[in-house]
Protein backbone atom coordinates (compact mmCIF):
# COMPACT_ATOMS: atom_id res chain seq x y z
CA MET A 1 -42.99 -0.50 -20.11
CA LYS A 2 -42.45 -1.66 -16.32
CA LYS A 3 -40.69 -4.95 -17.93
CA ALA A 4 -38.33 -2.79 -19.63
CA ILE A 5 -37.43 -0.78 -16.56
CA VAL A 6 -37.23 -3.94 -14.43
CA SER A 7 -35.09 -5.57 -17.08
CA LEU A 8 -32.90 -2.54 -17.26
CA ALA A 9 -32.46 -2.36 -13.51
CA LEU A 10 -31.65 -6.12 -13.46
CA ALA A 11 -29.03 -5.75 -16.21
CA LEU A 12 -27.37 -2.66 -14.25
CA ALA A 13 -27.28 -4.72 -11.05
CA VAL A 14 -25.74 -7.52 -12.75
CA LEU A 15 -23.10 -5.25 -14.48
CA THR A 16 -22.44 -3.52 -11.10
CA ALA A 17 -21.89 -7.03 -9.35
CA ILE A 18 -19.50 -8.17 -12.30
CA ALA A 19 -17.43 -4.87 -11.89
CA ALA A 20 -17.13 -4.89 -8.30
CA ALA A 21 -16.13 -8.60 -8.50
CA GLN A 22 -13.41 -7.82 -10.83
CA THR A 23 -12.06 -4.67 -8.76
CA PRO A 24 -8.92 -5.98 -6.67
CA THR A 25 -9.09 -5.50 -2.95
CA TYR A 26 -6.36 -4.78 -0.34
CA VAL A 27 -5.61 -8.04 1.69
CA GLY A 28 -3.19 -6.69 4.34
CA ALA A 29 0.38 -7.39 5.17
CA ASP A 30 -0.58 -10.54 7.23
CA LYS A 31 -1.46 -12.22 3.90
CA CYS A 32 2.08 -11.21 2.30
CA ALA A 33 3.76 -12.32 5.56
CA LEU A 34 2.56 -15.92 4.91
CA CYS A 35 5.47 -16.27 2.10
CA HIS A 36 7.45 -13.25 2.44
CA LYS A 37 8.77 -13.73 6.00
CA THR A 38 11.21 -16.44 4.91
CA GLU A 39 14.94 -16.18 4.13
CA ARG A 40 14.09 -17.74 0.89
CA GLN A 41 11.88 -14.71 0.10
CA GLY A 42 14.56 -12.19 1.52
CA LEU A 43 12.92 -11.69 4.71
CA GLN A 44 10.74 -9.02 2.95
CA PHE A 45 8.21 -8.89 5.65
CA VAL A 46 10.53 -8.65 8.47
CA ILE A 47 12.31 -5.90 6.82
CA TRP A 48 8.87 -4.22 6.63
CA GLN A 49 8.17 -4.72 10.13
CA GLY A 50 11.36 -3.23 11.24
CA ALA A 51 11.28 -0.21 9.29
CA LYS A 52 9.57 3.14 10.13
CA HIS A 53 6.99 2.40 7.18
CA ALA A 54 5.14 -0.08 9.52
CA LYS A 55 4.99 2.31 12.19
CA SER A 56 4.16 5.50 10.16
CA PHE A 57 0.43 5.51 11.24
CA ALA A 58 1.39 5.12 14.91
CA THR A 59 3.53 8.14 14.78
CA LEU A 60 0.77 10.02 14.16
CA SER A 61 0.00 9.75 17.95
CA SER A 62 3.37 11.05 19.08
CA PRO A 63 4.29 14.33 20.55
CA GLN A 64 6.25 15.27 17.63
CA ALA A 65 3.40 14.63 15.14
CA ALA A 66 1.25 16.83 17.43
CA GLN A 67 4.00 19.38 17.14
CA ASN A 68 4.17 19.15 13.11
CA ALA A 69 0.44 18.97 12.83
CA GLN A 70 -0.03 22.24 14.97
CA ALA A 71 2.57 23.96 12.67
CA LEU A 72 0.02 22.74 9.69
CA GLY A 73 -2.95 23.84 11.43
CA VAL A 74 -4.07 20.37 11.96
CA ALA A 75 -5.69 19.30 15.37
CA LYS A 76 -5.64 15.63 15.05
CA PRO A 77 -2.90 14.18 12.69
CA ALA A 78 -4.32 10.61 13.14
CA GLU A 79 -7.49 11.63 11.58
CA ASP A 80 -6.47 14.16 9.17
CA PRO A 81 -6.34 13.33 5.45
CA LYS A 82 -3.09 15.67 4.89
CA CYS A 83 -1.30 13.28 7.37
CA LEU A 84 -2.81 10.33 6.35
CA LYS A 85 -2.14 10.75 2.79
CA CYS A 86 1.49 9.56 3.44
CA HIS A 87 1.25 7.87 6.96
CA ALA A 88 -1.53 5.65 6.08
CA PRO A 89 -1.96 5.80 2.44
CA LEU A 90 -4.61 3.31 2.24
CA HIS A 91 -6.72 5.29 4.78
CA ASP A 92 -9.53 5.87 2.26
CA LYS A 93 -9.29 2.66 0.07
CA ALA A 94 -8.96 0.24 3.05
CA PRO A 95 -9.63 1.81 6.27
CA ALA A 96 -9.08 -1.41 8.36
CA LEU A 97 -5.50 -1.47 7.24
CA MET A 98 -4.66 2.07 8.55
CA ALA A 99 -2.57 1.02 11.36
CA GLU A 100 -0.24 -0.98 8.78
CA GLY A 101 0.94 2.30 7.71
CA VAL A 102 2.90 2.16 4.33
CA THR A 103 2.20 -1.35 3.91
CA CYS A 104 3.16 -3.72 1.23
CA GLU A 105 0.18 -2.90 -1.04
CA VAL A 106 0.73 0.94 -0.79
CA CYS A 107 3.63 0.34 -3.38
CA HIS A 108 2.63 -3.21 -4.73
CA GLY A 109 -1.11 -2.58 -5.44
CA PRO A 110 -4.13 -4.54 -3.89
CA GLY A 111 -3.07 -8.27 -3.75
CA SER A 112 -6.40 -10.01 -3.69
CA ASP A 113 -5.81 -11.08 -7.44
CA TYR A 114 -1.99 -11.82 -7.01
CA LYS A 115 -1.69 -13.15 -3.53
CA ALA A 116 -2.19 -16.83 -4.46
CA LEU A 117 0.97 -19.03 -4.28
CA ALA A 118 0.19 -20.49 -7.89
CA VAL A 119 0.26 -16.77 -9.19
CA MET A 120 3.07 -15.34 -7.14
CA LYS A 121 5.45 -18.35 -8.40
CA ASN A 122 5.38 -16.68 -11.88
CA ARG A 123 6.51 -13.08 -11.87
CA GLU A 124 4.85 -12.15 -15.15
CA GLU A 125 1.46 -13.64 -13.97
CA SER A 126 1.71 -11.65 -10.63
CA ALA A 127 2.18 -8.54 -12.84
CA LYS A 128 -0.73 -9.46 -14.92
CA LYS A 129 -2.90 -9.98 -11.89
CA GLY A 130 -2.00 -6.43 -10.51
CA LEU A 131 1.29 -6.84 -8.72
CA ILE A 132 2.94 -3.52 -9.32
CA LEU A 133 6.90 -4.02 -9.77
CA PHE A 134 9.46 -1.56 -10.33
CA PRO A 135 11.84 -2.18 -12.92
CA ASN A 136 14.58 0.39 -12.09
CA PRO A 137 15.63 2.60 -9.19
CA ASP A 138 14.18 5.75 -11.09
CA ASP A 139 10.84 4.08 -10.60
CA ILE A 140 11.16 3.08 -7.09
CA LYS A 141 12.54 6.83 -6.41
CA ALA A 142 9.47 8.32 -8.07
CA GLN A 143 7.09 6.00 -5.90
CA CYS A 144 9.07 7.21 -2.80
CA LEU A 145 9.04 10.84 -3.65
CA LYS A 146 5.20 10.88 -3.45
CA CYS A 147 5.47 11.28 0.13
CA HIS A 148 9.06 11.87 0.90
CA GLU A 149 9.92 14.99 -1.30
CA ASN A 150 10.16 17.62 1.24
CA ALA A 151 8.27 16.02 3.88
CA HIS A 152 8.28 18.20 7.01
CA GLY A 153 11.09 20.11 5.21
CA LEU A 154 13.17 17.18 5.58
CA THR A 155 15.96 16.38 3.06
CA PHE A 156 15.30 12.87 1.44
CA ASP A 157 18.35 10.94 0.59
CA PHE A 158 16.81 8.16 -1.56
CA ALA A 159 19.99 5.99 -1.83
CA ALA A 160 20.35 5.83 2.04
CA ALA A 161 16.47 5.35 2.61
CA TRP A 162 16.40 2.68 -0.07
CA ALA A 163 19.61 1.00 1.31
CA LYS A 164 17.37 0.70 4.66
CA ILE A 165 14.32 -0.82 3.19
CA LYS A 166 15.36 -2.58 -0.07
CA HIS A 167 13.83 -5.84 -0.21
CA PRO A 168 14.58 -8.12 -3.18
CA ILE A 169 14.21 -11.77 -3.38
CA PRO A 170 17.59 -13.13 -3.30
CA ALA A 171 19.26 -15.11 -6.40
CA LYS A 172 18.67 -18.69 -6.25
């Protein structure tokens, strides 16, 4: 009986380890920047750095955030899940990346399995390894609206917002 319990426990431990090893993890924007800061890649990292998304977590410490939070009954916006869900969407999955705000992996998925150059050189392989791609503007807009639909009572102009942050890879 004891051998059966030990065997079962060992089997469960092995299966848990295998499942954990197969779960993609978030790697952070610095890993993306290694390749995506060049003109050849459309300056994607540079565009993100200059956009409000890269500063979205930091804005939670602003006087405006304190005012908005008070209206929502939130004492500490930089700690409240109601605020973090949009200003630092990875706060629960990758707390170490909270300061990145709305970072690459918020939209494109955890990068551990697709970040390798050999994988990223092949769009189809990247997608197989977990890179989330958006085939059309409606899919992009749906992703944006997860946070921007009536955020703080503000109207969201998708076309104008997308024009500021779009980051395609230039045609060769």
